[in-house]
N, C-alpha and C. Protein backbone atom coordinates (compact mmCIF):
# COMPACT_ATOMS: atom_id res chain seq x y z
N UNK A 1 0.24 3.23 1.84
CA UNK A 1 -1.22 3.73 0.94
C UNK A 1 -0.50 4.82 0.39
N UNK A 2 0.25 5.46 1.08
CA UNK A 2 1.02 6.89 0.34
C UNK A 2 1.55 6.10 -1.15
N UNK A 3 2.08 5.19 -0.99
CA UNK A 3 2.83 4.61 -2.53
C UNK A 3 1.52 4.72 -3.40
N UNK A 4 0.63 4.63 -2.91
CA UNK A 4 -0.67 4.12 -4.30
C UNK A 4 -1.03 5.78 -4.70
N UNK A 5 -1.24 6.77 -3.33
CA UNK A 5 -1.67 7.97 -4.04
C UNK A 5 -0.49 8.80 -4.57
N UNK A 6 0.65 8.32 -4.19
CA UNK A 6 1.45 9.35 -5.31
C UNK A 6 1.64 8.69 -6.61
N UNK A 7 1.77 7.22 -7.05
CA UNK A 7 1.51 6.52 -8.13
C UNK A 7 0.38 7.16 -8.84
N UNK A 8 -1.39 7.13 -8.51
CA UNK A 8 -1.92 7.88 -9.14
C UNK A 8 -1.93 9.24 -9.17
N UNK A 9 -1.11 9.77 -8.83
CA UNK A 9 -0.69 11.42 -9.14
C UNK A 9 0.29 11.77 -10.33
N UNK A 10 1.03 10.50 -10.49
CA UNK A 10 2.06 10.49 -11.22
C UNK A 10 1.64 9.97 -12.62
N UNK A 11 0.28 8.91 -12.48
CA UNK A 11 -0.09 8.56 -13.47
C UNK A 11 -1.37 9.82 -14.24
N UNK A 12 -1.37 10.91 -13.61
CA UNK A 12 -2.64 12.34 -13.90
C UNK A 12 -3.92 12.08 -13.04
N UNK A 13 -3.85 11.21 -12.18
CA UNK A 13 -5.04 11.37 -10.98
C UNK A 13 -5.14 12.09 -10.10
N UNK A 14 -6.12 12.06 -9.77
CA UNK A 14 -6.25 13.12 -8.41
C UNK A 14 -6.76 12.27 -7.33
N UNK A 15 -6.03 11.80 -6.12
CA UNK A 15 -6.29 11.17 -5.46
C UNK A 15 -7.29 11.46 -4.35
N UNK A 16 -7.74 11.35 -3.42
CA UNK A 16 -8.81 11.95 -2.69
C UNK A 16 -9.20 10.54 -1.14
N UNK A 17 -9.17 11.05 -0.13
CA UNK A 17 -9.20 10.57 0.74
C UNK A 17 -10.36 10.87 1.61
N UNK A 18 -11.31 10.13 1.41
CA UNK A 18 -13.08 10.58 2.43
C UNK A 18 -13.03 9.85 3.40
N UNK A 19 -13.83 10.18 4.50
CA UNK A 19 -14.59 8.56 5.06
C UNK A 19 -15.80 9.03 5.34
N UNK A 20 -16.74 8.16 5.86
CA UNK A 20 -18.12 7.63 5.87
C UNK A 20 -18.66 6.32 6.21
N UNK A 21 -19.61 6.62 7.10
CA UNK A 21 -20.27 5.01 7.81
C UNK A 21 -20.29 4.29 7.12
N UNK A 22 -20.96 4.06 5.68
CA UNK A 22 -20.95 3.21 4.55
C UNK A 22 -20.03 3.51 3.72
N UNK A 23 -19.42 2.52 3.64
CA UNK A 23 -18.32 2.70 2.19
C UNK A 23 -19.02 3.01 0.64
N UNK A 24 -20.10 2.50 0.43
CA UNK A 24 -20.45 2.27 -0.58
C UNK A 24 -21.42 3.67 -1.19
N UNK A 25 -21.85 4.14 0.08
CA UNK A 25 -22.70 5.13 0.16
C UNK A 25 -22.09 6.59 0.13
N UNK A 26 -20.75 6.18 0.51
CA UNK A 26 -20.07 7.53 0.78
C UNK A 26 -19.17 7.91 -0.65
N UNK A 27 -18.82 6.54 -1.26
CA UNK A 27 -18.39 6.54 -2.43
C UNK A 27 -19.44 7.17 -3.97
N UNK A 28 -20.29 6.50 -3.68
CA UNK A 28 -21.80 7.12 -4.53
C UNK A 28 -21.81 8.45 -4.17
N UNK A 29 -22.24 9.05 -2.89
CA UNK A 29 -22.06 10.63 -2.99
C UNK A 29 -21.25 11.31 -3.36
N UNK A 30 -20.07 10.80 -3.43
CA UNK A 30 -18.73 11.55 -3.78
C UNK A 30 -18.55 11.77 -5.24
N UNK A 31 -18.97 10.25 -5.59
CA UNK A 31 -19.24 10.45 -7.22
C UNK A 31 -19.77 11.57 -7.73
N UNK A 32 -21.18 11.43 -7.24
CA UNK A 32 -22.03 11.99 -7.68
C UNK A 32 -21.91 13.89 -7.79
N UNK A 33 -21.53 13.69 -6.38
CA UNK A 33 -21.16 15.24 -6.17
C UNK A 33 -19.72 15.99 -7.15
N UNK A 34 -19.10 15.06 -7.62
CA UNK A 34 -17.96 15.43 -8.40
C UNK A 34 -18.03 15.25 -9.92
N UNK A 35 -19.44 14.58 -9.85
CA UNK A 35 -19.48 13.70 -11.39
C UNK A 35 -18.55 12.90 -11.96
N UNK A 36 -17.98 12.26 -11.01
CA UNK A 36 -17.14 11.00 -11.70
C UNK A 36 -17.77 9.93 -12.37
N UNK A 37 -17.41 9.97 -13.75
CA UNK A 37 -18.00 9.01 -14.79
C UNK A 37 -17.05 7.49 -14.43
N UNK A 38 -16.11 7.25 -13.99
CA UNK A 38 -15.41 6.07 -13.61
C UNK A 38 -14.42 5.75 -12.45
N UNK A 39 -14.61 4.49 -11.90
CA UNK A 39 -14.55 4.24 -10.32
C UNK A 39 -13.93 3.09 -10.61
N UNK A 40 -12.25 2.87 -10.23
CA UNK A 40 -11.72 1.87 -10.18
C UNK A 40 -11.63 1.32 -9.02
N UNK A 41 -11.55 -0.04 -8.69
CA UNK A 41 -11.44 -0.75 -7.86
C UNK A 41 -10.84 -1.92 -7.81
N UNK A 42 -10.31 -2.41 -6.93
CA UNK A 42 -9.49 -4.02 -6.89
C UNK A 42 -10.27 -5.00 -6.50
N UNK A 43 -10.52 -5.92 -6.83
CA UNK A 43 -11.17 -7.27 -6.24
C UNK A 43 -10.36 -7.72 -5.25
N UNK A 44 -10.59 -8.37 -4.31
CA UNK A 44 -10.12 -8.88 -3.42
C UNK A 44 -10.26 -10.36 -3.43
N UNK A 45 -9.92 -11.48 -3.05
CA UNK A 45 -10.09 -12.89 -2.92
C UNK A 45 -10.77 -13.29 -1.71
N UNK A 46 -12.78 -13.40 -1.72
CA UNK A 46 -13.19 -13.24 -0.36
C UNK A 46 -13.69 -15.46 -0.82
N UNK A 47 -14.31 -15.55 0.03
CA UNK A 47 -14.52 -17.52 -0.35
C UNK A 47 -15.79 -17.27 -1.00
N UNK A 48 -16.35 -18.37 -1.97
CA UNK A 48 -16.99 -18.07 -2.47
C UNK A 48 -18.12 -18.54 -2.06
N UNK A 49 -18.71 -18.17 -0.48
CA UNK A 49 -19.96 -18.49 0.32
C UNK A 49 -20.45 -17.23 0.79
N UNK A 50 -19.54 -16.23 0.69
CA UNK A 50 -19.59 -15.14 1.22
C UNK A 50 -20.65 -14.61 0.38
N UNK A 51 -20.96 -15.08 -0.91
CA UNK A 51 -21.74 -14.47 -1.87
C UNK A 51 -23.32 -15.17 -1.29
N UNK A 52 -23.38 -15.86 -0.70
CA UNK A 52 -25.17 -16.42 -0.15
C UNK A 52 -25.01 -15.41 1.14
N UNK A 53 -24.66 -14.31 1.29
CA UNK A 53 -24.97 -13.80 2.52
C UNK A 53 -25.61 -12.35 1.88
N UNK A 54 -25.43 -12.10 0.56
CA UNK A 54 -26.22 -10.75 0.25
C UNK A 54 -24.89 -10.41 -1.16
N UNK A 55 -25.49 -9.58 -1.45
CA UNK A 55 -24.67 -8.89 -2.55
C UNK A 55 -23.21 -8.15 -2.20
N UNK A 56 -22.35 -8.39 -2.76
CA UNK A 56 -21.00 -8.12 -2.86
C UNK A 56 -20.95 -6.34 -2.70
N UNK A 57 -20.12 -5.81 -2.07
CA UNK A 57 -19.44 -4.62 -1.84
C UNK A 57 -19.55 -4.10 -3.57
N UNK A 58 -19.10 -4.57 -4.35
CA UNK A 58 -19.01 -4.37 -5.84
C UNK A 58 -20.51 -4.18 -6.43
N UNK A 59 -20.79 -4.96 -6.05
CA UNK A 59 -22.40 -5.28 -6.81
C UNK A 59 -23.11 -4.36 -6.38
N UNK A 60 -23.42 -3.77 -4.46
CA UNK A 60 -23.53 -2.86 -4.43
C UNK A 60 -23.17 -1.19 -4.61
N UNK A 61 -22.17 -1.52 -5.00
CA UNK A 61 -21.62 -0.21 -5.98
C UNK A 61 -21.65 0.26 -7.14
N UNK A 62 -21.87 -0.91 -8.26
CA UNK A 62 -22.56 -0.73 -9.06
C UNK A 62 -23.86 -0.22 -9.00
N UNK A 63 -24.46 -0.42 -8.15
CA UNK A 63 -26.03 -0.47 -8.18
C UNK A 63 -26.11 1.07 -7.74
N UNK A 64 -25.43 1.81 -6.73
CA UNK A 64 -24.98 2.86 -6.09
C UNK A 64 -24.78 3.91 -7.21
N UNK A 65 -23.90 4.03 -8.29
CA UNK A 65 -23.57 5.14 -8.90
C UNK A 65 -23.81 4.68 -10.24
N UNK A 66 -25.06 5.05 -10.13
CA UNK A 66 -25.89 5.19 -11.82
C UNK A 66 -24.94 6.10 -12.62
N UNK A 67 -24.86 6.07 -13.74
CA UNK A 67 -24.38 6.55 -14.53
C UNK A 67 -22.77 6.78 -14.39
N UNK A 68 -22.03 5.86 -13.53
CA UNK A 68 -20.41 6.05 -13.53
C UNK A 68 -20.30 4.33 -13.88
N UNK A 69 -18.89 4.50 -14.71
CA UNK A 69 -18.68 3.04 -15.06
C UNK A 69 -17.51 2.26 -13.60
N UNK A 70 -17.59 1.59 -13.28
CA UNK A 70 -17.37 0.96 -12.09
C UNK A 70 -15.87 -0.37 -12.90
N UNK A 71 -15.11 -0.02 -12.48
CA UNK A 71 -13.89 -1.06 -12.99
C UNK A 71 -13.45 -1.58 -12.21
N UNK A 72 -13.60 -2.86 -12.61
CA UNK A 72 -12.59 -3.99 -11.32
C UNK A 72 -11.74 -4.52 -11.76
N UNK A 73 -10.75 -4.26 -11.45
CA UNK A 73 -8.81 -4.74 -11.50
C UNK A 73 -8.34 -6.22 -10.78
N UNK A 74 -7.92 -7.15 -11.19
CA UNK A 74 -7.41 -8.02 -10.74
C UNK A 74 -7.81 -9.14 -9.19
N UNK A 75 -7.65 -9.83 -9.14
CA UNK A 75 -7.79 -10.34 -7.66
C UNK A 75 -6.42 -10.17 -6.47
N UNK A 76 -6.49 -9.63 -5.43
CA UNK A 76 -5.61 -9.03 -4.52
C UNK A 76 -5.90 -9.56 -3.41
């Protein structure tokens, strides 16, 4: 994890670590509080059948952060 934070800093980003009971609402609150307009997240490989059980993390995040672009990279 520390390598990712160091890389973000080298690339001009400001990495933050935060905690909350629900990841989506925590990210959405943080984005609104700091006026963040772009959120970069990585996509993990999930079995196709998991989509049957409700919206994905990325779907919920995109809905929760109105006014911000959610940029999804890769399949990790």
